[in-house]
Amino acid sequence: MFVVLVPIGAQATVVSGGKLSSGKPVKVSISTPRKQIKYTFSGVAHKHVTFQVTHFTFSDGTNPGSLYLKFRKPGSTSVFKSCYFSDNDHCDFNTPVTGTW
């Protein structure tokens, strides 16, 4: 499973951001329009996970300050959970399966 930061309305190329670790913040800079960054994290079945997004600024001329986090189960290409951010916010859910999300 991976996490992808997607500016609203964008069709994007995807680059790897690496593996996320619990409690360790990452700083992401997207300077190219329509670029997505993919992260992975290790998930354990039936455990609660929370992702917090803070201090972000996106602008496409019509929709400033918004993005999606999209989560896919290990081995799946379908979106399991999608979270929309338009201000400092968080996204949480319980992982149904163990693996690399």
PDB file of N, CA and C in Angstrom:
ATOM      1  N   MET A   1       0.835  -1.164   0.000  1.00  0.00           N
ATOM      2  CA  MET A   1       0.000   0.000   0.000  1.00  0.00           C
ATOM      3  C   MET A   1       0.876   1.221   0.000  1.00  0.00           C
ATOM      4  N   PHE A   2       0.416   2.275  -0.648  1.00  0.00           N
ATOM      5  CA  PHE A   2       1.206   3.483  -0.624  1.00  0.00           C
ATOM      6  C   PHE A   2       0.328   4.702  -0.454  1.00  0.00           C
ATOM      7  N   VAL A   3       0.949   5.766  -0.019  1.00  0.00           N
ATOM      8  CA  VAL A   3       0.289   7.040   0.195  1.00  0.00           C
ATOM      9  C   VAL A   3       0.715   7.952  -0.928  1.00  0.00           C
ATOM     10  N   VAL A   4      -0.223   8.623  -1.544  1.00  0.00           N
ATOM     11  CA  VAL A   4       0.093   9.533  -2.625  1.00  0.00           C
ATOM     12  C   VAL A   4      -0.490  10.896  -2.312  1.00  0.00           C
ATOM     13  N   LEU A   5       0.319  11.930  -2.342  1.00  0.00           N
ATOM     14  CA  LEU A   5      -0.159  13.301  -2.202  1.00  0.00           C
ATOM     15  C   LEU A   5      -0.554  13.782  -3.585  1.00  0.00           C
ATOM     16  N   VAL A   6      -1.809  14.184  -3.744  1.00  0.00           N
ATOM     17  CA  VAL A   6      -2.316  14.567  -5.056  1.00  0.00           C
ATOM     18  C   VAL A   6      -2.976  15.933  -4.982  1.00  0.00           C
ATOM     19  N   PRO A   7      -2.416  16.977  -5.608  1.00  0.00           N
ATOM     20  CA  PRO A   7      -3.118  18.238  -5.688  1.00  0.00           C
ATOM     21  C   PRO A   7      -4.450  18.031  -6.420  1.00  0.00           C
ATOM     22  N   ILE A   8      -5.500  18.679  -5.939  1.00  0.00           N
ATOM     23  CA  ILE A   8      -6.833  18.524  -6.507  1.00  0.00           C
ATOM     24  C   ILE A   8      -6.818  18.840  -7.998  1.00  0.00           C
ATOM     25  N   GLY A   9      -7.473  17.999  -8.797  1.00  0.00           N
ATOM     26  CA  GLY A   9      -7.603  18.226 -10.226  1.00  0.00           C
ATOM     27  C   GLY A   9      -6.369  17.896 -11.049  1.00  0.00           C
ATOM     28  N   ALA A  10      -5.385  17.269 -10.438  1.00  0.00           N
ATOM     29  CA  ALA A  10      -4.136  17.026 -11.158  1.00  0.00           C
ATOM     30  C   ALA A  10      -4.078  15.626 -11.742  1.00  0.00           C
ATOM     31  N   GLN A  11      -3.514  15.515 -12.931  1.00  0.00           N
ATOM     32  CA  GLN A  11      -3.083  14.249 -13.505  1.00  0.00           C
ATOM     33  C   GLN A  11      -1.574  14.292 -13.377  1.00  0.00           C
ATOM     34  N   ALA A  12      -0.992  13.289 -12.730  1.00  0.00           N
ATOM     35  CA  ALA A  12       0.384  13.500 -12.315  1.00  0.00           C
ATOM     36  C   ALA A  12       1.308  12.333 -12.609  1.00  0.00           C
ATOM     37  N   THR A  13       2.605  12.663 -12.597  1.00  0.00           N
ATOM     38  CA  THR A  13       3.632  11.649 -12.586  1.00  0.00           C
ATOM     39  C   THR A  13       3.901  11.321 -11.122  1.00  0.00           C
ATOM     40  N   VAL A  14       4.319  10.085 -10.840  1.00  0.00           N
ATOM     41  CA  VAL A  14       4.526   9.651  -9.467  1.00  0.00           C
ATOM     42  C   VAL A  14       6.007   9.422  -9.219  1.00  0.00           C
ATOM     43  N   VAL A  15       6.526   9.966  -8.110  1.00  0.00           N
ATOM     44  CA  VAL A  15       7.897   9.727  -7.689  1.00  0.00           C
ATOM     45  C   VAL A  15       7.867   9.139  -6.288  1.00  0.00           C
ATOM     46  N   SER A  16       8.869   8.348  -5.947  1.00  0.00           N
ATOM     47  CA  SER A  16       8.919   7.719  -4.637  1.00  0.00           C
ATOM     48  C   SER A  16       9.439   8.689  -3.594  1.00  0.00           C
ATOM     49  N   GLY A  17       8.720   8.754  -2.482  1.00  0.00           N
ATOM     50  CA  GLY A  17       9.160   9.568  -1.347  1.00  0.00           C
ATOM     51  C   GLY A  17       9.833   8.730  -0.281  1.00  0.00           C
ATOM     52  N   GLY A  18       9.697   7.387  -0.390  1.00  0.00           N
ATOM     53  CA  GLY A  18      10.318   6.492   0.572  1.00  0.00           C
ATOM     54  C   GLY A  18       9.332   5.903   1.556  1.00  0.00           C
ATOM     55  N   LYS A  19       9.863   5.381   2.651  1.00  0.00           N
ATOM     56  CA  LYS A  19       9.066   4.704   3.663  1.00  0.00           C
ATOM     57  C   LYS A  19       8.837   5.632   4.848  1.00  0.00           C
ATOM     58  N   LEU A  20       7.585   5.685   5.321  1.00  0.00           N
ATOM     59  CA  LEU A  20       7.237   6.485   6.484  1.00  0.00           C
ATOM     60  C   LEU A  20       7.477   5.680   7.753  1.00  0.00           C
ATOM     61  N   SER A  21       7.901   6.375   8.820  1.00  0.00           N
ATOM     62  CA  SER A  21       8.091   5.762  10.132  1.00  0.00           C
ATOM     63  C   SER A  21       7.208   6.483  11.133  1.00  0.00           C
ATOM     64  N   SER A  22       6.601   5.734  12.032  1.00  0.00           N
ATOM     65  CA  SER A  22       5.691   6.298  13.024  1.00  0.00           C
ATOM     66  C   SER A  22       6.356   7.408  13.836  1.00  0.00           C
ATOM     67  N   GLY A  23       5.677   8.533  13.920  1.00  0.00           N
ATOM     68  CA  GLY A  23       6.155   9.647  14.724  1.00  0.00           C
ATOM     69  C   GLY A  23       7.249  10.485  14.106  1.00  0.00           C
ATOM     70  N   LYS A  24       7.692  10.131  12.897  1.00  0.00           N
ATOM     71  CA  LYS A  24       8.766  10.890  12.255  1.00  0.00           C
ATOM     72  C   LYS A  24       8.187  11.689  11.091  1.00  0.00           C
ATOM     73  N   PRO A  25       8.136  13.008  11.232  1.00  0.00           N
ATOM     74  CA  PRO A  25       7.570  13.832  10.164  1.00  0.00           C
ATOM     75  C   PRO A  25       8.437  13.836   8.906  1.00  0.00           C
ATOM     76  N   VAL A  26       7.798  14.055   7.781  1.00  0.00           N
ATOM     77  CA  VAL A  26       8.511  14.221   6.517  1.00  0.00           C
ATOM     78  C   VAL A  26       8.128  15.572   5.936  1.00  0.00           C
ATOM     79  N   LYS A  27       9.069  16.160   5.245  1.00  0.00           N
ATOM     80  CA  LYS A  27       8.821  17.422   4.564  1.00  0.00           C
ATOM     81  C   LYS A  27       8.812  17.142   3.071  1.00  0.00           C
ATOM     82  N   VAL A  28       7.761  17.572   2.405  1.00  0.00           N
ATOM     83  CA  VAL A  28       7.591  17.318   0.982  1.00  0.00           C
ATOM     84  C   VAL A  28       7.489  18.648   0.259  1.00  0.00           C
ATOM     85  N   SER A  29       8.188  18.756  -0.841  1.00  0.00           N
ATOM     86  CA  SER A  29       8.086  19.931  -1.689  1.00  0.00           C
ATOM     87  C   SER A  29       7.766  19.479  -3.106  1.00  0.00           C
ATOM     88  N   ILE A  30       6.633  19.933  -3.614  1.00  0.00           N
ATOM     89  CA  ILE A  30       6.241  19.615  -4.985  1.00  0.00           C
ATOM     90  C   ILE A  30       6.297  20.925  -5.765  1.00  0.00           C
ATOM     91  N   SER A  31       7.290  21.033  -6.626  1.00  0.00           N
ATOM     92  CA  SER A  31       7.459  22.276  -7.370  1.00  0.00           C
ATOM     93  C   SER A  31       7.024  22.161  -8.823  1.00  0.00           C
ATOM     94  N   THR A  32       6.732  20.937  -9.264  1.00  0.00           N
ATOM     95  CA  THR A  32       6.310  20.707 -10.638  1.00  0.00           C
ATOM     96  C   THR A  32       4.816  20.426 -10.671  1.00  0.00           C
ATOM     97  N   PRO A  33       4.058  21.142 -11.484  1.00  0.00           N
ATOM     98  CA  PRO A  33       2.623  20.861 -11.571  1.00  0.00           C
ATOM     99  C   PRO A  33       2.353  19.404 -11.910  1.00  0.00           C
ATOM    100  N   ARG A  34       1.320  18.856 -11.308  1.00  0.00           N
ATOM    101  CA  ARG A  34       0.823  17.499 -11.559  1.00  0.00           C
ATOM    102  C   ARG A  34       1.744  16.376 -11.071  1.00  0.00           C
ATOM    103  N   LYS A  35       2.665  16.679 -10.185  1.00  0.00           N
ATOM    104  CA  LYS A  35       3.538  15.637  -9.639  1.00  0.00           C
ATOM    105  C   LYS A  35       2.889  15.044  -8.390  1.00  0.00           C
ATOM    106  N   GLN A  36       3.027  13.734  -8.220  1.00  0.00           N
ATOM    107  CA  GLN A  36       2.565  13.033  -7.028  1.00  0.00           C
ATOM    108  C   GLN A  36       3.770  12.409  -6.343  1.00  0.00           C
ATOM    109  N   ILE A  37       3.697  12.294  -5.024  1.00  0.00           N
ATOM    110  CA  ILE A  37       4.766  11.653  -4.276  1.00  0.00           C
ATOM    111  C   ILE A  37       4.176  10.447  -3.558  1.00  0.00           C
ATOM    112  N   LYS A  38       4.817   9.291  -3.725  1.00  0.00           N
ATOM    113  CA  LYS A  38       4.344   8.035  -3.147  1.00  0.00           C
ATOM    114  C   LYS A  38       5.200   7.664  -1.941  1.00  0.00           C
ATOM    115  N   TYR A  39       4.536   7.368  -0.822  1.00  0.00           N
ATOM    116  CA  TYR A  39       5.191   6.874   0.378  1.00  0.00           C
ATOM    117  C   TYR A  39       4.617   5.519   0.735  1.00  0.00           C
ATOM    118  N   THR A  40       5.384   4.708   1.417  1.00  0.00           N
ATOM    119  CA  THR A  40       4.890   3.438   1.936  1.00  0.00           C
ATOM    120  C   THR A  40       4.996   3.465   3.461  1.00  0.00           C
ATOM    121  N   PHE A  41       4.231   2.584   4.107  1.00  0.00           N
ATOM    122  CA  PHE A  41       4.369   2.390   5.544  1.00  0.00           C
ATOM    123  C   PHE A  41       3.975   0.954   5.874  1.00  0.00           C
ATOM    124  N   SER A  42       4.517   0.440   6.973  1.00  0.00           N
ATOM    125  CA  SER A  42       4.184  -0.912   7.424  1.00  0.00           C
ATOM    126  C   SER A  42       2.935  -0.840   8.284  1.00  0.00           C
ATOM    127  N   GLY A  43       1.941  -1.646   7.917  1.00  0.00           N
ATOM    128  CA  GLY A  43       0.695  -1.672   8.678  1.00  0.00           C
ATOM    129  C   GLY A  43       0.431  -3.052   9.233  1.00  0.00           C
ATOM    130  N   VAL A  44      -0.161  -3.101  10.419  1.00  0.00           N
ATOM    131  CA  VAL A  44      -0.539  -4.348  11.071  1.00  0.00           C
ATOM    132  C   VAL A  44      -2.057  -4.418  11.078  1.00  0.00           C
ATOM    133  N   ALA A  45      -2.614  -5.582  10.738  1.00  0.00           N
ATOM    134  CA  ALA A  45      -4.066  -5.752  10.656  1.00  0.00           C
ATOM    135  C   ALA A  45      -4.756  -5.292  11.938  1.00  0.00           C
ATOM    136  N   HIS A  46      -5.850  -4.570  11.760  1.00  0.00           N
ATOM    137  CA  HIS A  46      -6.743  -4.127  12.834  1.00  0.00           C
ATOM    138  C   HIS A  46      -6.106  -3.110  13.777  1.00  0.00           C
ATOM    139  N   LYS A  47      -5.110  -2.386  13.290  1.00  0.00           N
ATOM    140  CA  LYS A  47      -4.491  -1.329  14.090  1.00  0.00           C
ATOM    141  C   LYS A  47      -4.924   0.026  13.544  1.00  0.00           C
ATOM    142  N   HIS A  48      -5.037   0.979  14.445  1.00  0.00           N
ATOM    143  CA  HIS A  48      -5.443   2.341  14.084  1.00  0.00           C
ATOM    144  C   HIS A  48      -4.223   3.118  13.606  1.00  0.00           C
ATOM    145  N   VAL A  49      -4.347   3.811  12.485  1.00  0.00           N
ATOM    146  CA  VAL A  49      -3.285   4.685  11.985  1.00  0.00           C
ATOM    147  C   VAL A  49      -3.859   6.079  11.762  1.00  0.00           C
ATOM    148  N   THR A  50      -3.026   7.076  11.992  1.00  0.00           N
ATOM    149  CA  THR A  50      -3.417   8.473  11.779  1.00  0.00           C
ATOM    150  C   THR A  50      -2.321   9.166  10.991  1.00  0.00           C
ATOM    151  N   PHE A  51      -2.738   9.932   9.994  1.00  0.00           N
ATOM    152  CA  PHE A  51      -1.821  10.756   9.215  1.00  0.00           C
ATOM    153  C   PHE A  51      -2.231  12.200   9.401  1.00  0.00           C
ATOM    154  N   GLN A  52      -1.267  13.038   9.741  1.00  0.00           N
ATOM    155  CA  GLN A  52      -1.536  14.456   9.924  1.00  0.00           C
ATOM    156  C   GLN A  52      -0.775  15.230   8.862  1.00  0.00           C
ATOM    157  N   VAL A  53      -1.463  16.157   8.224  1.00  0.00           N
ATOM    158  CA  VAL A  53      -0.852  17.008   7.207  1.00  0.00           C
ATOM    159  C   VAL A  53      -0.940  18.443   7.719  1.00  0.00           C
ATOM    160  N   THR A  54       0.207  19.099   7.823  1.00  0.00           N
ATOM    161  CA  THR A  54       0.243  20.469   8.324  1.00  0.00           C
ATOM    162  C   THR A  54       1.127  21.334   7.435  1.00  0.00           C
ATOM    163  N   HIS A  55       0.931  22.608   7.524  1.00  0.00           N
ATOM    164  CA  HIS A  55       1.783  23.591   6.850  1.00  0.00           C
ATOM    165  C   HIS A  55       1.923  23.345   5.353  1.00  0.00           C
ATOM    166  N   PHE A  56       0.808  23.258   4.652  1.00  0.00           N
ATOM    167  CA  PHE A  56       0.897  23.049   3.218  1.00  0.00           C
ATOM    168  C   PHE A  56       0.223  24.189   2.474  1.00  0.00           C
ATOM    169  N   THR A  57       0.728  24.438   1.280  1.00  0.00           N
ATOM    170  CA  THR A  57       0.170  25.461   0.410  1.00  0.00           C
ATOM    171  C   THR A  57       0.199  24.930  -1.011  1.00  0.00           C
ATOM    172  N   PHE A  58      -0.980  24.773  -1.602  1.00  0.00           N
ATOM    173  CA  PHE A  58      -1.106  24.404  -2.999  1.00  0.00           C
ATOM    174  C   PHE A  58      -1.976  25.441  -3.666  1.00  0.00           C
ATOM    175  N   SER A  59      -1.665  25.764  -4.897  1.00  0.00           N
ATOM    176  CA  SER A  59      -2.518  26.670  -5.644  1.00  0.00           C
ATOM    177  C   SER A  59      -2.418  26.324  -7.116  1.00  0.00           C
ATOM    178  N   ASP A  60      -3.581  26.111  -7.744  1.00  0.00           N
ATOM    179  CA  ASP A  60      -3.597  25.870  -9.187  1.00  0.00           C
ATOM    180  C   ASP A  60      -4.315  27.013  -9.898  1.00  0.00           C
ATOM    181  N   GLY A  61      -4.503  28.117  -9.187  1.00  0.00           N
ATOM    182  CA  GLY A  61      -5.184  29.273  -9.753  1.00  0.00           C
ATOM    183  C   GLY A  61      -6.675  29.288  -9.485  1.00  0.00           C
ATOM    184  N   THR A  62      -7.254  28.132  -9.146  1.00  0.00           N
ATOM    185  CA  THR A  62      -8.687  28.081  -8.876  1.00  0.00           C
ATOM    186  C   THR A  62      -9.020  27.423  -7.547  1.00  0.00           C
ATOM    187  N   ASN A  63      -8.139  26.625  -7.003  1.00  0.00           N
ATOM    188  CA  ASN A  63      -8.453  25.875  -5.796  1.00  0.00           C
ATOM    189  C   ASN A  63      -7.246  25.859  -4.861  1.00  0.00           C
ATOM    190  N   PRO A  64      -6.982  26.943  -4.139  1.00  0.00           N
ATOM    191  CA  PRO A  64      -5.782  26.994  -3.305  1.00  0.00           C
ATOM    192  C   PRO A  64      -5.892  26.110  -2.065  1.00  0.00           C
ATOM    193  N   GLY A  65      -4.777  25.534  -1.681  1.00  0.00           N
ATOM    194  CA  GLY A  65      -4.670  24.846  -0.413  1.00  0.00           C
ATOM    195  C   GLY A  65      -5.426  23.555  -0.257  1.00  0.00           C
ATOM    196  N   SER A  66      -5.397  22.667  -1.240  1.00  0.00           N
ATOM    197  CA  SER A  66      -6.108  21.405  -1.082  1.00  0.00           C
ATOM    198  C   SER A  66      -5.317  20.246  -1.692  1.00  0.00           C
ATOM    199  N   LEU A  67      -5.483  19.042  -1.105  1.00  0.00           N
ATOM    200  CA  LEU A  67      -4.820  17.852  -1.599  1.00  0.00           C
ATOM    201  C   LEU A  67      -5.559  16.617  -1.097  1.00  0.00           C
ATOM    202  N   TYR A  68      -5.262  15.475  -1.678  1.00  0.00           N
ATOM    203  CA  TYR A  68      -5.782  14.182  -1.247  1.00  0.00           C
ATOM    204  C   TYR A  68      -4.633  13.299  -0.771  1.00  0.00           C
ATOM    205  N   LEU A  69      -4.889  12.507   0.255  1.00  0.00           N
ATOM    206  CA  LEU A  69      -4.046  11.365   0.574  1.00  0.00           C
ATOM    207  C   LEU A  69      -4.856  10.152   0.154  1.00  0.00           C
ATOM    208  N   LYS A  70      -4.250   9.260  -0.624  1.00  0.00           N
ATOM    209  CA  LYS A  70      -4.937   8.058  -1.078  1.00  0.00           C
ATOM    210  C   LYS A  70      -4.185   6.838  -0.559  1.00  0.00           C
ATOM    211  N   PHE A  71      -4.915   5.913   0.050  1.00  0.00           N
ATOM    212  CA  PHE A  71      -4.326   4.723   0.656  1.00  0.00           C
ATOM    213  C   PHE A  71      -4.818   3.487  -0.078  1.00  0.00           C
ATOM    214  N   ARG A  72      -3.902   2.578  -0.366  1.00  0.00           N
ATOM    215  CA  ARG A  72      -4.233   1.317  -1.019  1.00  0.00           C
ATOM    216  C   ARG A  72      -3.777   0.153  -0.149  1.00  0.00           C
ATOM    217  N   LYS A  73      -4.610  -0.886  -0.068  1.00  0.00           N
ATOM    218  CA  LYS A  73      -4.224  -2.083   0.689  1.00  0.00           C
ATOM    219  C   LYS A  73      -3.013  -2.716   0.018  1.00  0.00           C
ATOM    220  N   PRO A  74      -2.212  -3.444   0.802  1.00  0.00           N
ATOM    221  CA  PRO A  74      -1.076  -4.164   0.207  1.00  0.00           C
ATOM    222  C   PRO A  74      -1.540  -5.062  -0.942  1.00  0.00           C
ATOM    223  N   GLY A  75      -0.874  -4.956  -2.094  1.00  0.00           N
ATOM    224  CA  GLY A  75      -1.195  -5.780  -3.251  1.00  0.00           C
ATOM    225  C   GLY A  75      -2.372  -5.309  -4.079  1.00  0.00           C
ATOM    226  N   SER A  76      -2.978  -4.184  -3.724  1.00  0.00           N
ATOM    227  CA  SER A  76      -4.157  -3.699  -4.441  1.00  0.00           C
ATOM    228  C   SER A  76      -3.846  -2.414  -5.207  1.00  0.00           C
ATOM    229  N   THR A  77      -4.557  -2.214  -6.294  1.00  0.00           N
ATOM    230  CA  THR A  77      -4.440  -0.961  -7.039  1.00  0.00           C
ATOM    231  C   THR A  77      -5.642  -0.051  -6.792  1.00  0.00           C
ATOM    232  N   SER A  78      -6.662  -0.573  -6.101  1.00  0.00           N
ATOM    233  CA  SER A  78      -7.855   0.217  -5.797  1.00  0.00           C
ATOM    234  C   SER A  78      -7.630   1.048  -4.542  1.00  0.00           C
ATOM    235  N   VAL A  79      -8.232   2.226  -4.505  1.00  0.00           N
ATOM    236  CA  VAL A  79      -8.125   3.094  -3.335  1.00  0.00           C
ATOM    237  C   VAL A  79      -8.993   2.526  -2.215  1.00  0.00           C
ATOM    238  N   PHE A  80      -8.390   2.272  -1.054  1.00  0.00           N
ATOM    239  CA  PHE A  80      -9.096   1.784   0.128  1.00  0.00           C
ATOM    240  C   PHE A  80      -9.687   2.960   0.906  1.00  0.00           C
ATOM    241  N   LYS A  81      -8.904   4.026   1.054  1.00  0.00           N
ATOM    242  CA  LYS A  81      -9.304   5.200   1.819  1.00  0.00           C
ATOM    243  C   LYS A  81      -8.717   6.416   1.141  1.00  0.00           C
ATOM    244  N   SER A  82      -9.519   7.452   0.997  1.00  0.00           N
ATOM    245  CA  SER A  82      -9.072   8.716   0.423  1.00  0.00           C
ATOM    246  C   SER A  82      -9.450   9.825   1.390  1.00  0.00           C
ATOM    247  N   CYS A  83      -8.503  10.700   1.685  1.00  0.00           N
ATOM    248  CA  CYS A  83      -8.758  11.814   2.605  1.00  0.00           C
ATOM    249  C   CYS A  83      -8.461  13.128   1.898  1.00  0.00           C
ATOM    250  N   TYR A  84      -9.384  14.054   2.000  1.00  0.00           N
ATOM    251  CA  TYR A  84      -9.270  15.376   1.389  1.00  0.00           C
ATOM    252  C   TYR A  84      -8.806  16.364   2.449  1.00  0.00           C
ATOM    253  N   PHE A  85      -7.827  17.169   2.105  1.00  0.00           N
ATOM    254  CA  PHE A  85      -7.314  18.191   3.015  1.00  0.00           C
ATOM    255  C   PHE A  85      -7.446  19.557   2.372  1.00  0.00           C
ATOM    256  N   SER A  86      -8.066  20.480   3.095  1.00  0.00           N
ATOM    257  CA  SER A  86      -8.131  21.854   2.616  1.00  0.00           C
ATOM    258  C   SER A  86      -7.588  22.815   3.665  1.00  0.00           C
ATOM    259  N   ASP A  87      -7.208  22.303   4.800  1.00  0.00           N
ATOM    260  CA  ASP A  87      -6.620  23.071   5.885  1.00  0.00           C
ATOM    261  C   ASP A  87      -5.802  22.075   6.710  1.00  0.00           C
ATOM    262  N   ASN A  88      -5.061  22.545   7.723  1.00  0.00           N
ATOM    263  CA  ASN A  88      -4.335  21.587   8.557  1.00  0.00           C
ATOM    264  C   ASN A  88      -5.328  20.567   9.078  1.00  0.00           C
ATOM    265  N   ASP A  89      -5.026  19.293   8.918  1.00  0.00           N
ATOM    266  CA  ASP A  89      -6.022  18.272   9.193  1.00  0.00           C
ATOM    267  C   ASP A  89      -5.343  16.927   9.411  1.00  0.00           C
ATOM    268  N   HIS A  90      -6.168  15.907   9.676  1.00  0.00           N
ATOM    269  CA  HIS A  90      -5.647  14.553   9.838  1.00  0.00           C
ATOM    270  C   HIS A  90      -6.583  13.550   9.168  1.00  0.00           C
ATOM    271  N   CYS A  91      -6.074  12.356   8.975  1.00  0.00           N
ATOM    272  CA  CYS A  91      -6.817  11.263   8.369  1.00  0.00           C
ATOM    273  C   CYS A  91      -6.528  10.024   9.197  1.00  0.00           C
ATOM    274  N   ASP A  92      -7.556   9.287   9.571  1.00  0.00           N
ATOM    275  CA  ASP A  92      -7.300   8.068  10.322  1.00  0.00           C
ATOM    276  C   ASP A  92      -8.238   6.951   9.900  1.00  0.00           C
ATOM    277  N   PHE A  93      -7.770   5.723  10.125  1.00  0.00           N
ATOM    278  CA  PHE A  93      -8.536   4.530   9.800  1.00  0.00           C
ATOM    279  C   PHE A  93      -7.892   3.321  10.454  1.00  0.00           C
ATOM    280  N   ASN A  94      -8.578   2.189  10.437  1.00  0.00           N
ATOM    281  CA  ASN A  94      -8.029   0.920  10.917  1.00  0.00           C
ATOM    282  C   ASN A  94      -7.589   0.104   9.716  1.00  0.00           C
ATOM    283  N   THR A  95      -6.383  -0.426   9.795  1.00  0.00           N
ATOM    284  CA  THR A  95      -5.854  -1.248   8.704  1.00  0.00           C
ATOM    285  C   THR A  95      -6.509  -2.636   8.753  1.00  0.00           C
ATOM    286  N   PRO A  96      -7.146  -3.085   7.680  1.00  0.00           N
ATOM    287  CA  PRO A  96      -7.789  -4.397   7.692  1.00  0.00           C
ATOM    288  C   PRO A  96      -6.806  -5.559   7.490  1.00  0.00           C
ATOM    289  N   VAL A  97      -5.638  -5.280   6.922  1.00  0.00           N
ATOM    290  CA  VAL A  97      -4.653  -6.325   6.657  1.00  0.00           C
ATOM    291  C   VAL A  97      -3.236  -5.860   7.000  1.00  0.00           C
ATOM    292  N   THR A  98      -2.366  -6.829   7.262  1.00  0.00           N
ATOM    293  CA  THR A  98      -0.958  -6.553   7.529  1.00  0.00           C
ATOM    294  C   THR A  98      -0.200  -6.493   6.215  1.00  0.00           C
ATOM    295  N   GLY A  99       0.764  -5.593   6.134  1.00  0.00           N
ATOM    296  CA  GLY A  99       1.601  -5.508   4.948  1.00  0.00           C
ATOM    297  C   GLY A  99       2.146  -4.127   4.736  1.00  0.00           C
ATOM    298  N   THR A 100       2.767  -3.938   3.584  1.00  0.00           N
ATOM    299  CA  THR A 100       3.301  -2.628   3.208  1.00  0.00           C
ATOM    300  C   THR A 100       2.220  -1.878   2.444  1.00  0.00           C
ATOM    301  N   TRP A 101       1.734  -0.861   3.057  1.00  0.00           N
ATOM    302  CA  TRP A 101       0.700  -0.011   2.480  1.00  0.00           C
ATOM    303  C   TRP A 101       1.370   1.049   1.639  1.00  0.00           C
TER     304      TRP A 101
END
